[in-house]
Amino acid sequence: MSHTPLSGKPTVIGRATSINVRKVLWTCAEIGLDHHFDSDWVGEAAIRRRDELLALNPNGQFPVLIEGEGARRQVLWQSNTICRYLATVAGRDDLLPTAPRARAVVEQWMDWQVGDLNPAWRYAYLALVRRMPGFTHADEIAASVTAWNKAMVLLDRHLARTGAHVTGPTFTLADIVLALSANRWRLTPMDHVHCPAVDAWLDRLAVRPGFTAHVGPGVP
């Protein structure tokens, strides 16, 4: 199966602390993509470059993938979409299968990460890790922690059945996106339910260079 090569050396822009950015960087590591990482989006730089970001992504969010220059420049946003695109262009059918059913299962868990798991942890994470103003209500924090733990129990039971990776014996994009959220859960200072299958899965993933570089210990 032929694939259109990436246009030159692409650029990934975003903050290194963002799990959405790191899932793209990990995917780049898995496919061996030579890329530039523009991480100058912190503090005054983020304010100064706000219009630049909005011109690339009208949502004003990271990450953004940029290919080419000038009239040939092409822009892509939404982290899971970027990951799927990169795996497809690289011809990595192991990361994202071409068979419709197998691909749908990978995408099912990627969508679950965005649509179910991430909303569960948002309030607790912003309160307990980011210490953001306005996220201080004890009841809301407790509800978020409960929802987060409930989602992780669901993932744990699933991993106990698969025994290796999210969709079975093969490492896929579903492992990348979910491992970042699971690592965030494990490192957030709160009460955690016991999830031995999640712990074993993260330990298996820890041998991958992409995990070491973009997940690693101490980075929720």
N, C-alpha and C. Protein backbone atom coordinates (compact mmCIF):
# COMPACT_ATOMS: atom_id res chain seq x y z
N MET A 1 0.85 -1.19 0.00
CA MET A 1 0.00 0.00 0.00
C MET A 1 0.88 1.24 0.00
N SER A 2 0.67 2.18 -0.92
CA SER A 2 1.49 3.38 -1.01
C SER A 2 0.93 4.47 -0.13
N HIS A 3 1.86 5.33 0.35
CA HIS A 3 1.46 6.42 1.22
C HIS A 3 2.15 7.69 0.74
N THR A 4 1.46 8.82 0.88
CA THR A 4 2.05 10.11 0.54
C THR A 4 3.02 10.52 1.63
N PRO A 5 4.30 10.79 1.30
CA PRO A 5 5.26 11.14 2.34
C PRO A 5 4.96 12.49 2.95
N LEU A 6 5.42 12.67 4.18
CA LEU A 6 5.27 13.97 4.82
C LEU A 6 6.07 15.01 4.06
N SER A 7 5.56 16.26 4.07
CA SER A 7 6.19 17.35 3.33
C SER A 7 7.37 17.89 4.14
N GLY A 8 8.58 17.46 3.79
CA GLY A 8 9.76 17.97 4.47
C GLY A 8 9.80 17.57 5.93
N LYS A 9 10.40 18.43 6.74
CA LYS A 9 10.51 18.18 8.18
C LYS A 9 9.38 18.91 8.87
N PRO A 10 8.37 18.20 9.35
CA PRO A 10 7.22 18.87 9.96
C PRO A 10 7.56 19.45 11.33
N THR A 11 6.71 20.37 11.76
CA THR A 11 6.86 21.00 13.07
C THR A 11 5.66 20.66 13.93
N VAL A 12 5.91 20.28 15.15
CA VAL A 12 4.87 20.10 16.16
C VAL A 12 4.98 21.27 17.11
N ILE A 13 3.88 21.99 17.33
CA ILE A 13 3.93 23.11 18.27
C ILE A 13 3.05 22.79 19.47
N GLY A 14 3.50 23.28 20.63
CA GLY A 14 2.74 23.09 21.85
C GLY A 14 3.62 23.08 23.08
N ARG A 15 2.99 22.96 24.23
CA ARG A 15 3.72 22.91 25.50
C ARG A 15 4.09 21.47 25.84
N ALA A 16 5.31 21.30 26.32
CA ALA A 16 5.79 19.96 26.65
C ALA A 16 5.05 19.34 27.81
N THR A 17 4.33 20.15 28.60
CA THR A 17 3.57 19.62 29.74
C THR A 17 2.23 19.03 29.33
N SER A 18 1.79 19.30 28.11
CA SER A 18 0.47 18.85 27.65
C SER A 18 0.51 17.37 27.25
N ILE A 19 -0.42 16.57 27.79
CA ILE A 19 -0.44 15.17 27.37
C ILE A 19 -0.88 15.05 25.92
N ASN A 20 -1.68 15.98 25.42
CA ASN A 20 -2.08 15.94 24.02
C ASN A 20 -0.89 16.18 23.10
N VAL A 21 0.00 17.07 23.50
CA VAL A 21 1.22 17.29 22.73
C VAL A 21 2.12 16.08 22.83
N ARG A 22 2.24 15.53 24.03
CA ARG A 22 3.15 14.41 24.23
C ARG A 22 2.70 13.15 23.51
N LYS A 23 1.40 12.97 23.32
CA LYS A 23 0.96 11.79 22.56
C LYS A 23 1.42 11.89 21.11
N VAL A 24 1.44 13.11 20.55
CA VAL A 24 1.94 13.30 19.19
C VAL A 24 3.45 13.07 19.15
N LEU A 25 4.17 13.60 20.14
CA LEU A 25 5.62 13.42 20.17
C LEU A 25 5.99 11.94 20.33
N TRP A 26 5.23 11.23 21.14
CA TRP A 26 5.48 9.79 21.29
C TRP A 26 5.23 9.07 19.97
N THR A 27 4.16 9.43 19.27
CA THR A 27 3.89 8.83 17.97
C THR A 27 5.03 9.10 17.00
N CYS A 28 5.54 10.33 17.02
CA CYS A 28 6.70 10.65 16.17
C CYS A 28 7.88 9.74 16.49
N ALA A 29 8.09 9.49 17.79
CA ALA A 29 9.18 8.61 18.20
C ALA A 29 8.97 7.18 17.70
N GLU A 30 7.74 6.71 17.77
CA GLU A 30 7.45 5.34 17.35
C GLU A 30 7.67 5.13 15.86
N ILE A 31 7.35 6.14 15.06
CA ILE A 31 7.50 5.98 13.61
C ILE A 31 8.85 6.49 13.11
N GLY A 32 9.68 7.02 14.02
CA GLY A 32 10.99 7.51 13.63
C GLY A 32 10.95 8.77 12.78
N LEU A 33 10.00 9.64 13.06
CA LEU A 33 9.82 10.85 12.25
C LEU A 33 10.76 11.97 12.70
N ASP A 34 11.58 12.44 11.80
CA ASP A 34 12.43 13.60 12.08
C ASP A 34 11.55 14.84 12.03
N HIS A 35 11.45 15.56 13.15
CA HIS A 35 10.55 16.70 13.23
C HIS A 35 11.16 17.78 14.10
N HIS A 36 10.59 18.96 14.02
CA HIS A 36 10.98 20.08 14.89
C HIS A 36 9.87 20.28 15.91
N PHE A 37 10.26 20.45 17.18
CA PHE A 37 9.29 20.70 18.23
C PHE A 37 9.42 22.15 18.68
N ASP A 38 8.40 22.94 18.38
CA ASP A 38 8.35 24.34 18.80
C ASP A 38 7.60 24.42 20.11
N SER A 39 8.36 24.49 21.21
CA SER A 39 7.76 24.48 22.55
C SER A 39 7.76 25.86 23.21
N ASP A 40 8.01 26.89 22.43
CA ASP A 40 8.08 28.24 22.99
C ASP A 40 6.68 28.84 23.12
N TRP A 41 5.90 28.26 24.01
CA TRP A 41 4.51 28.68 24.20
C TRP A 41 4.17 28.81 25.68
N VAL A 42 5.13 29.28 26.47
CA VAL A 42 4.96 29.39 27.90
C VAL A 42 5.13 30.85 28.33
N GLY A 43 4.33 31.29 29.30
CA GLY A 43 4.48 32.64 29.86
C GLY A 43 4.24 33.74 28.85
N GLU A 44 5.16 34.69 28.79
CA GLU A 44 5.01 35.84 27.89
C GLU A 44 4.98 35.42 26.43
N ALA A 45 5.71 34.37 26.10
CA ALA A 45 5.72 33.90 24.71
C ALA A 45 4.34 33.46 24.27
N ALA A 46 3.60 32.80 25.17
CA ALA A 46 2.25 32.35 24.83
C ALA A 46 1.33 33.54 24.56
N ILE A 47 1.50 34.60 25.34
CA ILE A 47 0.68 35.81 25.12
C ILE A 47 1.07 36.48 23.82
N ARG A 48 2.36 36.61 23.60
CA ARG A 48 2.86 37.29 22.40
C ARG A 48 2.47 36.56 21.12
N ARG A 49 2.40 35.24 21.19
CA ARG A 49 2.16 34.42 20.00
C ARG A 49 0.70 33.96 19.89
N ARG A 50 -0.19 34.57 20.69
CA ARG A 50 -1.58 34.13 20.71
C ARG A 50 -2.23 34.22 19.33
N ASP A 51 -2.04 35.32 18.64
CA ASP A 51 -2.64 35.48 17.31
C ASP A 51 -2.07 34.46 16.33
N GLU A 52 -0.80 34.15 16.48
CA GLU A 52 -0.16 33.15 15.63
C GLU A 52 -0.83 31.79 15.83
N LEU A 53 -1.09 31.45 17.08
CA LEU A 53 -1.74 30.17 17.37
C LEU A 53 -3.15 30.13 16.81
N LEU A 54 -3.90 31.22 16.98
CA LEU A 54 -5.28 31.26 16.49
C LEU A 54 -5.33 31.16 14.97
N ALA A 55 -4.30 31.67 14.30
CA ALA A 55 -4.25 31.56 12.84
C ALA A 55 -4.01 30.11 12.40
N LEU A 56 -3.37 29.33 13.27
CA LEU A 56 -3.12 27.93 12.97
C LEU A 56 -4.27 27.04 13.40
N ASN A 57 -4.83 27.33 14.57
CA ASN A 57 -5.94 26.54 15.12
C ASN A 57 -6.94 27.51 15.73
N PRO A 58 -8.10 27.67 15.13
CA PRO A 58 -9.08 28.63 15.63
C PRO A 58 -9.56 28.33 17.05
N ASN A 59 -9.30 27.11 17.54
CA ASN A 59 -9.64 26.78 18.92
C ASN A 59 -8.61 27.29 19.91
N GLY A 60 -7.44 27.71 19.41
CA GLY A 60 -6.39 28.21 20.27
C GLY A 60 -5.80 27.15 21.17
N GLN A 61 -5.75 25.91 20.71
CA GLN A 61 -5.27 24.80 21.54
C GLN A 61 -4.12 24.07 20.85
N PHE A 62 -3.40 23.30 21.67
CA PHE A 62 -2.28 22.48 21.19
C PHE A 62 -2.70 21.01 21.20
N PRO A 63 -2.01 20.20 20.38
CA PRO A 63 -0.90 20.51 19.49
C PRO A 63 -1.39 20.92 18.11
N VAL A 64 -0.43 21.42 17.32
CA VAL A 64 -0.67 21.70 15.90
C VAL A 64 0.51 21.10 15.13
N LEU A 65 0.20 20.43 14.03
CA LEU A 65 1.22 19.89 13.14
C LEU A 65 1.28 20.76 11.90
N ILE A 66 2.48 21.21 11.55
CA ILE A 66 2.67 22.07 10.38
C ILE A 66 3.60 21.38 9.41
N GLU A 67 3.17 21.30 8.16
CA GLU A 67 4.01 20.76 7.10
C GLU A 67 4.17 21.80 6.00
N GLY A 68 5.35 21.89 5.43
CA GLY A 68 5.60 22.80 4.32
C GLY A 68 5.70 24.25 4.77
N GLU A 69 5.92 25.12 3.79
CA GLU A 69 6.08 26.54 4.06
C GLU A 69 5.32 27.36 3.02
N GLY A 70 5.02 28.60 3.38
CA GLY A 70 4.38 29.52 2.45
C GLY A 70 3.07 28.98 1.93
N ALA A 71 2.89 29.05 0.60
CA ALA A 71 1.65 28.61 -0.01
C ALA A 71 1.45 27.10 0.11
N ARG A 72 2.53 26.38 0.37
CA ARG A 72 2.46 24.92 0.49
C ARG A 72 2.24 24.47 1.93
N ARG A 73 2.13 25.41 2.84
CA ARG A 73 1.97 25.03 4.24
C ARG A 73 0.62 24.37 4.48
N GLN A 74 0.65 23.27 5.22
CA GLN A 74 -0.56 22.56 5.60
C GLN A 74 -0.57 22.39 7.11
N VAL A 75 -1.74 22.59 7.69
CA VAL A 75 -1.87 22.58 9.14
C VAL A 75 -2.90 21.54 9.56
N LEU A 76 -2.60 20.85 10.65
CA LEU A 76 -3.52 19.86 11.19
C LEU A 76 -3.55 20.00 12.70
N TRP A 77 -4.75 19.96 13.30
CA TRP A 77 -4.88 20.00 14.75
C TRP A 77 -5.83 18.91 15.21
N GLN A 78 -5.95 18.78 16.52
CA GLN A 78 -6.62 17.68 17.23
C GLN A 78 -5.62 16.52 17.37
N SER A 79 -5.22 16.26 18.61
CA SER A 79 -4.10 15.34 18.86
C SER A 79 -4.33 13.93 18.31
N ASN A 80 -5.49 13.35 18.56
CA ASN A 80 -5.70 11.99 18.08
C ASN A 80 -5.75 11.92 16.56
N THR A 81 -6.28 12.96 15.93
CA THR A 81 -6.28 13.03 14.47
C THR A 81 -4.86 13.09 13.94
N ILE A 82 -4.02 13.89 14.58
CA ILE A 82 -2.61 13.98 14.16
C ILE A 82 -1.93 12.63 14.30
N CYS A 83 -2.16 11.94 15.41
CA CYS A 83 -1.55 10.63 15.62
C CYS A 83 -1.99 9.64 14.54
N ARG A 84 -3.28 9.64 14.23
CA ARG A 84 -3.78 8.73 13.19
C ARG A 84 -3.15 9.08 11.84
N TYR A 85 -3.06 10.36 11.55
CA TYR A 85 -2.48 10.80 10.28
C TYR A 85 -1.03 10.36 10.16
N LEU A 86 -0.23 10.58 11.21
CA LEU A 86 1.18 10.25 11.18
C LEU A 86 1.38 8.75 11.00
N ALA A 87 0.62 7.95 11.73
CA ALA A 87 0.75 6.50 11.61
C ALA A 87 0.36 6.02 10.21
N THR A 88 -0.69 6.61 9.65
CA THR A 88 -1.15 6.22 8.32
C THR A 88 -0.13 6.58 7.25
N VAL A 89 0.38 7.79 7.30
CA VAL A 89 1.36 8.23 6.30
C VAL A 89 2.64 7.41 6.39
N ALA A 90 3.01 7.02 7.62
CA ALA A 90 4.21 6.22 7.80
C ALA A 90 4.00 4.76 7.41
N GLY A 91 2.75 4.40 7.09
CA GLY A 91 2.47 3.02 6.73
C GLY A 91 2.55 2.07 7.90
N ARG A 92 2.32 2.58 9.12
CA ARG A 92 2.44 1.77 10.32
C ARG A 92 1.09 1.11 10.65
N ASP A 93 0.81 0.04 9.94
CA ASP A 93 -0.44 -0.66 10.15
C ASP A 93 -0.50 -1.37 11.49
N ASP A 94 0.66 -1.51 12.14
CA ASP A 94 0.64 -2.08 13.48
C ASP A 94 0.07 -1.09 14.49
N LEU A 95 0.39 0.20 14.30
CA LEU A 95 -0.12 1.23 15.19
C LEU A 95 -1.58 1.57 14.91
N LEU A 96 -1.97 1.55 13.65
CA LEU A 96 -3.35 1.82 13.25
C LEU A 96 -3.68 0.90 12.07
N PRO A 97 -4.35 -0.21 12.34
CA PRO A 97 -4.61 -1.20 11.29
C PRO A 97 -5.41 -0.63 10.13
N THR A 98 -5.23 -1.26 8.97
CA THR A 98 -6.02 -0.87 7.80
C THR A 98 -7.31 -1.68 7.72
N ALA A 99 -7.33 -2.86 8.31
CA ALA A 99 -8.56 -3.67 8.31
C ALA A 99 -9.64 -2.91 9.09
N PRO A 100 -10.82 -2.72 8.51
CA PRO A 100 -11.83 -1.85 9.11
C PRO A 100 -12.18 -2.17 10.56
N ARG A 101 -12.40 -3.45 10.87
CA ARG A 101 -12.79 -3.81 12.23
C ARG A 101 -11.66 -3.55 13.23
N ALA A 102 -10.45 -3.97 12.89
CA ALA A 102 -9.31 -3.78 13.77
C ALA A 102 -9.02 -2.29 13.98
N ARG A 103 -9.15 -1.51 12.92
CA ARG A 103 -8.94 -0.07 13.04
C ARG A 103 -10.00 0.55 13.94
N ALA A 104 -11.24 0.12 13.77
CA ALA A 104 -12.33 0.68 14.57
C ALA A 104 -12.13 0.43 16.06
N VAL A 105 -11.57 -0.73 16.41
CA VAL A 105 -11.34 -1.03 17.83
C VAL A 105 -10.28 -0.09 18.40
N VAL A 106 -9.22 0.16 17.65
CA VAL A 106 -8.20 1.11 18.11
C VAL A 106 -8.81 2.49 18.28
N GLU A 107 -9.57 2.93 17.29
CA GLU A 107 -10.16 4.26 17.34
C GLU A 107 -11.23 4.36 18.42
N GLN A 108 -11.91 3.26 18.70
CA GLN A 108 -12.90 3.22 19.77
C GLN A 108 -12.26 3.63 21.10
N TRP A 109 -11.10 3.06 21.41
CA TRP A 109 -10.43 3.38 22.67
C TRP A 109 -9.78 4.75 22.65
N MET A 110 -9.34 5.20 21.48
CA MET A 110 -8.83 6.57 21.37
C MET A 110 -9.95 7.58 21.63
N ASP A 111 -11.13 7.28 21.08
CA ASP A 111 -12.28 8.17 21.30
C ASP A 111 -12.74 8.12 22.75
N TRP A 112 -12.65 6.96 23.37
CA TRP A 112 -13.01 6.84 24.79
C TRP A 112 -12.08 7.70 25.64
N GLN A 113 -10.82 7.73 25.30
CA GLN A 113 -9.87 8.56 26.04
C GLN A 113 -10.28 10.03 25.99
N VAL A 114 -10.67 10.49 24.82
CA VAL A 114 -11.03 11.90 24.67
C VAL A 114 -12.42 12.20 25.22
N GLY A 115 -13.37 11.30 24.96
CA GLY A 115 -14.76 11.61 25.28
C GLY A 115 -15.23 11.21 26.66
N ASP A 116 -14.56 10.24 27.27
CA ASP A 116 -15.01 9.74 28.57
C ASP A 116 -13.95 9.89 29.66
N LEU A 117 -12.74 9.43 29.40
CA LEU A 117 -11.70 9.46 30.43
C LEU A 117 -11.24 10.88 30.75
N ASN A 118 -10.89 11.64 29.73
CA ASN A 118 -10.37 12.99 29.98
C ASN A 118 -11.37 13.91 30.70
N PRO A 119 -12.64 13.94 30.33
CA PRO A 119 -13.58 14.79 31.07
C PRO A 119 -13.68 14.40 32.54
N ALA A 120 -13.49 13.12 32.86
CA ALA A 120 -13.59 12.67 34.25
C ALA A 120 -12.50 13.29 35.11
N TRP A 121 -11.28 13.38 34.60
CA TRP A 121 -10.16 13.87 35.42
C TRP A 121 -9.96 15.38 35.39
N ARG A 122 -10.64 16.09 34.52
CA ARG A 122 -10.31 17.49 34.29
C ARG A 122 -10.36 18.33 35.57
N TYR A 123 -11.47 18.27 36.31
CA TYR A 123 -11.60 19.14 37.48
C TYR A 123 -10.58 18.77 38.55
N ALA A 124 -10.44 17.48 38.84
CA ALA A 124 -9.50 17.05 39.88
C ALA A 124 -8.07 17.43 39.52
N TYR A 125 -7.71 17.23 38.27
CA TYR A 125 -6.33 17.54 37.85
C TYR A 125 -6.05 19.03 37.93
N LEU A 126 -6.96 19.85 37.45
CA LEU A 126 -6.75 21.29 37.50
C LEU A 126 -6.72 21.80 38.93
N ALA A 127 -7.44 21.14 39.82
CA ALA A 127 -7.46 21.55 41.22
C ALA A 127 -6.23 21.07 41.98
N LEU A 128 -5.88 19.80 41.80
CA LEU A 128 -4.87 19.17 42.64
C LEU A 128 -3.45 19.29 42.11
N VAL A 129 -3.32 19.44 40.80
CA VAL A 129 -1.98 19.53 40.20
C VAL A 129 -1.70 20.94 39.70
N ARG A 130 -2.58 21.46 38.88
CA ARG A 130 -2.36 22.81 38.33
C ARG A 130 -2.68 23.92 39.32
N ARG A 131 -3.49 23.61 40.35
CA ARG A 131 -3.90 24.60 41.35
C ARG A 131 -4.50 25.84 40.70
N MET A 132 -5.37 25.62 39.73
CA MET A 132 -5.94 26.73 38.99
C MET A 132 -7.04 27.42 39.80
N PRO A 133 -7.07 28.76 39.77
CA PRO A 133 -8.14 29.50 40.46
C PRO A 133 -9.51 29.07 39.93
N GLY A 134 -10.45 28.98 40.82
CA GLY A 134 -11.80 28.59 40.42
C GLY A 134 -12.06 27.10 40.53
N PHE A 135 -10.99 26.30 40.67
CA PHE A 135 -11.15 24.86 40.81
C PHE A 135 -10.82 24.47 42.24
N THR A 136 -11.66 24.93 43.15
CA THR A 136 -11.38 24.76 44.58
C THR A 136 -12.54 24.12 45.35
N HIS A 137 -13.62 23.77 44.68
CA HIS A 137 -14.79 23.25 45.37
C HIS A 137 -14.58 21.77 45.73
N ALA A 138 -14.63 21.48 47.02
CA ALA A 138 -14.34 20.13 47.50
C ALA A 138 -15.28 19.09 46.90
N ASP A 139 -16.55 19.40 46.77
CA ASP A 139 -17.50 18.44 46.22
C ASP A 139 -17.20 18.13 44.76
N GLU A 140 -16.81 19.16 44.00
CA GLU A 140 -16.47 18.96 42.60
C GLU A 140 -15.20 18.14 42.45
N ILE A 141 -14.24 18.40 43.32
CA ILE A 141 -13.00 17.62 43.29
C ILE A 141 -13.30 16.16 43.59
N ALA A 142 -14.09 15.93 44.64
CA ALA A 142 -14.43 14.56 45.03
C ALA A 142 -15.18 13.84 43.92
N ALA A 143 -16.10 14.54 43.26
CA ALA A 143 -16.87 13.93 42.17
C ALA A 143 -15.95 13.57 41.00
N SER A 144 -15.00 14.44 40.71
CA SER A 144 -14.07 14.18 39.63
C SER A 144 -13.16 13.00 39.95
N VAL A 145 -12.67 12.94 41.18
CA VAL A 145 -11.83 11.82 41.60
C VAL A 145 -12.61 10.50 41.49
N THR A 146 -13.87 10.51 41.92
CA THR A 146 -14.70 9.31 41.83
C THR A 146 -14.89 8.88 40.38
N ALA A 147 -15.20 9.83 39.53
CA ALA A 147 -15.41 9.52 38.11
C ALA A 147 -14.13 9.01 37.46
N TRP A 148 -13.02 9.62 37.84
CA TRP A 148 -11.73 9.24 37.28
C TRP A 148 -11.39 7.80 37.69
N ASN A 149 -11.54 7.51 38.97
CA ASN A 149 -11.26 6.16 39.45
C ASN A 149 -12.20 5.13 38.80
N LYS A 150 -13.45 5.50 38.61
CA LYS A 150 -14.40 4.59 37.97
C LYS A 150 -13.96 4.27 36.55
N ALA A 151 -13.51 5.28 35.81
CA ALA A 151 -13.04 5.06 34.45
C ALA A 151 -11.79 4.19 34.43
N MET A 152 -10.91 4.40 35.40
CA MET A 152 -9.69 3.60 35.45
C MET A 152 -9.97 2.15 35.80
N VAL A 153 -11.00 1.90 36.62
CA VAL A 153 -11.40 0.52 36.91
C VAL A 153 -11.89 -0.15 35.63
N LEU A 154 -12.63 0.58 34.83
CA LEU A 154 -13.09 0.04 33.55
C LEU A 154 -11.90 -0.35 32.67
N LEU A 155 -10.91 0.54 32.60
CA LEU A 155 -9.72 0.25 31.80
C LEU A 155 -8.95 -0.93 32.39
N ASP A 156 -8.86 -0.98 33.70
CA ASP A 156 -8.13 -2.06 34.36
C ASP A 156 -8.76 -3.42 34.04
N ARG A 157 -10.07 -3.50 34.12
CA ARG A 157 -10.75 -4.76 33.83
C ARG A 157 -10.55 -5.17 32.37
N HIS A 158 -10.56 -4.18 31.50
CA HIS A 158 -10.33 -4.48 30.09
C HIS A 158 -8.91 -5.00 29.86
N LEU A 159 -7.92 -4.35 30.47
CA LEU A 159 -6.54 -4.78 30.31
C LEU A 159 -6.30 -6.15 30.92
N ALA A 160 -7.01 -6.46 31.98
CA ALA A 160 -6.90 -7.79 32.57
C ALA A 160 -7.38 -8.86 31.58
N ARG A 161 -8.33 -8.51 30.74
CA ARG A 161 -8.83 -9.45 29.73
C ARG A 161 -7.87 -9.56 28.53
N THR A 162 -7.36 -8.42 28.07
CA THR A 162 -6.48 -8.46 26.90
C THR A 162 -5.11 -9.03 27.24
N GLY A 163 -4.64 -8.76 28.46
CA GLY A 163 -3.41 -9.37 28.94
C GLY A 163 -2.12 -8.75 28.46
N ALA A 164 -2.19 -7.81 27.51
CA ALA A 164 -0.95 -7.22 26.99
C ALA A 164 -1.13 -5.73 26.72
N HIS A 165 -1.87 -5.42 25.68
CA HIS A 165 -2.09 -4.03 25.31
C HIS A 165 -3.59 -3.75 25.22
N VAL A 166 -3.92 -2.51 24.91
CA VAL A 166 -5.33 -2.11 24.98
C VAL A 166 -6.21 -2.92 24.03
N THR A 167 -5.74 -3.16 22.82
CA THR A 167 -6.59 -3.87 21.85
C THR A 167 -6.17 -5.31 21.66
N GLY A 168 -5.21 -5.79 22.45
CA GLY A 168 -4.77 -7.17 22.31
C GLY A 168 -3.26 -7.30 22.41
N PRO A 169 -2.66 -8.23 21.67
CA PRO A 169 -1.22 -8.47 21.80
C PRO A 169 -0.33 -7.40 21.19
N THR A 170 -0.89 -6.56 20.31
CA THR A 170 -0.08 -5.60 19.57
C THR A 170 -0.20 -4.19 20.14
N PHE A 171 0.92 -3.51 20.27
CA PHE A 171 0.97 -2.11 20.68
C PHE A 171 0.39 -1.24 19.57
N THR A 172 -0.54 -0.34 19.94
CA THR A 172 -1.19 0.52 18.95
C THR A 172 -1.27 1.96 19.47
N LEU A 173 -1.84 2.82 18.66
CA LEU A 173 -2.06 4.21 19.08
C LEU A 173 -2.94 4.29 20.32
N ALA A 174 -3.81 3.32 20.52
CA ALA A 174 -4.66 3.33 21.71
C ALA A 174 -3.82 3.27 22.97
N ASP A 175 -2.71 2.54 22.93
CA ASP A 175 -1.82 2.47 24.09
C ASP A 175 -1.15 3.82 24.34
N ILE A 176 -0.77 4.50 23.29
CA ILE A 176 -0.11 5.80 23.45
C ILE A 176 -1.03 6.80 24.15
N VAL A 177 -2.22 6.96 23.61
CA VAL A 177 -3.10 8.01 24.15
C VAL A 177 -3.59 7.68 25.55
N LEU A 178 -3.86 6.40 25.80
CA LEU A 178 -4.37 6.02 27.12
C LEU A 178 -3.27 5.97 28.17
N ALA A 179 -2.06 5.63 27.79
CA ALA A 179 -0.97 5.58 28.76
C ALA A 179 -0.68 6.95 29.34
N LEU A 180 -0.79 7.98 28.54
CA LEU A 180 -0.56 9.34 29.05
C LEU A 180 -1.61 9.73 30.07
N SER A 181 -2.87 9.39 29.81
CA SER A 181 -3.92 9.67 30.77
C SER A 181 -3.77 8.82 32.02
N ALA A 182 -3.38 7.56 31.85
CA ALA A 182 -3.20 6.67 33.00
C ALA A 182 -2.03 7.11 33.87
N ASN A 183 -0.97 7.57 33.24
CA ASN A 183 0.17 8.08 34.00
C ASN A 183 -0.23 9.32 34.79
N ARG A 184 -1.05 10.16 34.19
CA ARG A 184 -1.55 11.35 34.89
C ARG A 184 -2.37 10.93 36.11
N TRP A 185 -3.20 9.92 35.94
CA TRP A 185 -3.99 9.41 37.08
C TRP A 185 -3.08 8.91 38.19
N ARG A 186 -2.06 8.14 37.83
CA ARG A 186 -1.18 7.54 38.81
C ARG A 186 -0.39 8.59 39.60
N LEU A 187 -0.05 9.71 38.96
CA LEU A 187 0.80 10.71 39.59
C LEU A 187 0.04 11.85 40.28
N THR A 188 -1.25 11.94 40.07
CA THR A 188 -2.03 13.00 40.70
C THR A 188 -2.24 12.67 42.19
N PRO A 189 -1.96 13.63 43.08
CA PRO A 189 -2.09 13.36 44.52
C PRO A 189 -3.55 13.28 44.97
N MET A 190 -4.06 12.06 45.03
CA MET A 190 -5.45 11.80 45.41
C MET A 190 -5.56 10.35 45.82
N ASP A 191 -6.73 9.94 46.26
CA ASP A 191 -6.97 8.53 46.57
C ASP A 191 -7.16 7.75 45.27
N HIS A 192 -6.44 6.64 45.15
CA HIS A 192 -6.50 5.82 43.94
C HIS A 192 -7.10 4.45 44.25
N VAL A 193 -7.96 3.99 43.36
CA VAL A 193 -8.41 2.61 43.45
C VAL A 193 -7.26 1.70 42.99
N HIS A 194 -7.34 0.44 43.38
CA HIS A 194 -6.30 -0.52 43.02
C HIS A 194 -6.53 -1.00 41.60
N CYS A 195 -5.55 -0.76 40.73
CA CYS A 195 -5.67 -1.14 39.32
C CYS A 195 -4.40 -1.90 38.91
N PRO A 196 -4.27 -3.15 39.32
CA PRO A 196 -3.03 -3.90 39.04
C PRO A 196 -2.76 -4.12 37.56
N ALA A 197 -3.81 -4.29 36.77
CA ALA A 197 -3.60 -4.50 35.33
C ALA A 197 -3.08 -3.23 34.67
N VAL A 198 -3.56 -2.07 35.12
CA VAL A 198 -3.06 -0.80 34.60
C VAL A 198 -1.59 -0.63 34.97
N ASP A 199 -1.25 -0.93 36.23
CA ASP A 199 0.14 -0.80 36.66
C ASP A 199 1.06 -1.71 35.86
N ALA A 200 0.64 -2.95 35.64
CA ALA A 200 1.46 -3.89 34.88
C ALA A 200 1.62 -3.45 33.43
N TRP A 201 0.56 -2.93 32.87
CA TRP A 201 0.58 -2.42 31.48
C TRP A 201 1.53 -1.23 31.35
N LEU A 202 1.46 -0.28 32.28
CA LEU A 202 2.37 0.86 32.23
C LEU A 202 3.81 0.41 32.40
N ASP A 203 4.05 -0.57 33.25
CA ASP A 203 5.40 -1.09 33.42
C ASP A 203 5.91 -1.72 32.13
N ARG A 204 5.04 -2.42 31.39
CA ARG A 204 5.45 -3.01 30.11
C ARG A 204 5.78 -1.92 29.10
N LEU A 205 5.00 -0.86 29.09
CA LEU A 205 5.23 0.23 28.14
C LEU A 205 6.49 1.02 28.45
N ALA A 206 6.92 0.99 29.71
CA ALA A 206 8.04 1.82 30.15
C ALA A 206 9.36 1.48 29.45
N VAL A 207 9.44 0.32 28.81
CA VAL A 207 10.67 -0.05 28.11
C VAL A 207 10.76 0.63 26.74
N ARG A 208 9.69 1.22 26.29
CA ARG A 208 9.70 1.85 24.96
C ARG A 208 10.34 3.24 25.07
N PRO A 209 11.28 3.57 24.18
CA PRO A 209 11.94 4.87 24.23
C PRO A 209 10.97 6.05 24.19
N GLY A 210 9.88 5.91 23.43
CA GLY A 210 8.90 6.98 23.36
C GLY A 210 8.23 7.23 24.69
N PHE A 211 8.00 6.17 25.45
CA PHE A 211 7.42 6.31 26.79
C PHE A 211 8.42 7.02 27.70
N THR A 212 9.66 6.58 27.68
CA THR A 212 10.69 7.18 28.53
C THR A 212 10.83 8.67 28.25
N ALA A 213 10.78 9.04 26.98
CA ALA A 213 11.00 10.43 26.60
C ALA A 213 9.79 11.33 26.86
N HIS A 214 8.59 10.80 26.68
CA HIS A 214 7.41 11.67 26.66
C HIS A 214 6.36 11.35 27.72
N VAL A 215 6.55 10.29 28.47
CA VAL A 215 5.68 10.01 29.61
C VAL A 215 6.54 10.10 30.85
N GLY A 216 7.32 9.04 31.09
CA GLY A 216 8.32 9.07 32.14
C GLY A 216 7.79 9.36 33.53
N PRO A 217 8.63 9.16 34.53
CA PRO A 217 8.22 9.42 35.91
C PRO A 217 8.16 10.91 36.23
N GLY A 218 7.22 11.27 37.08
CA GLY A 218 7.19 12.64 37.58
C GLY A 218 6.57 13.67 36.67
N VAL A 219 5.94 13.26 35.58
CA VAL A 219 5.34 14.22 34.64
C VAL A 219 3.86 13.89 34.49
N PRO A 220 2.98 14.43 35.36
CA PRO A 220 1.55 14.10 35.26
C PRO A 220 0.87 14.76 34.07
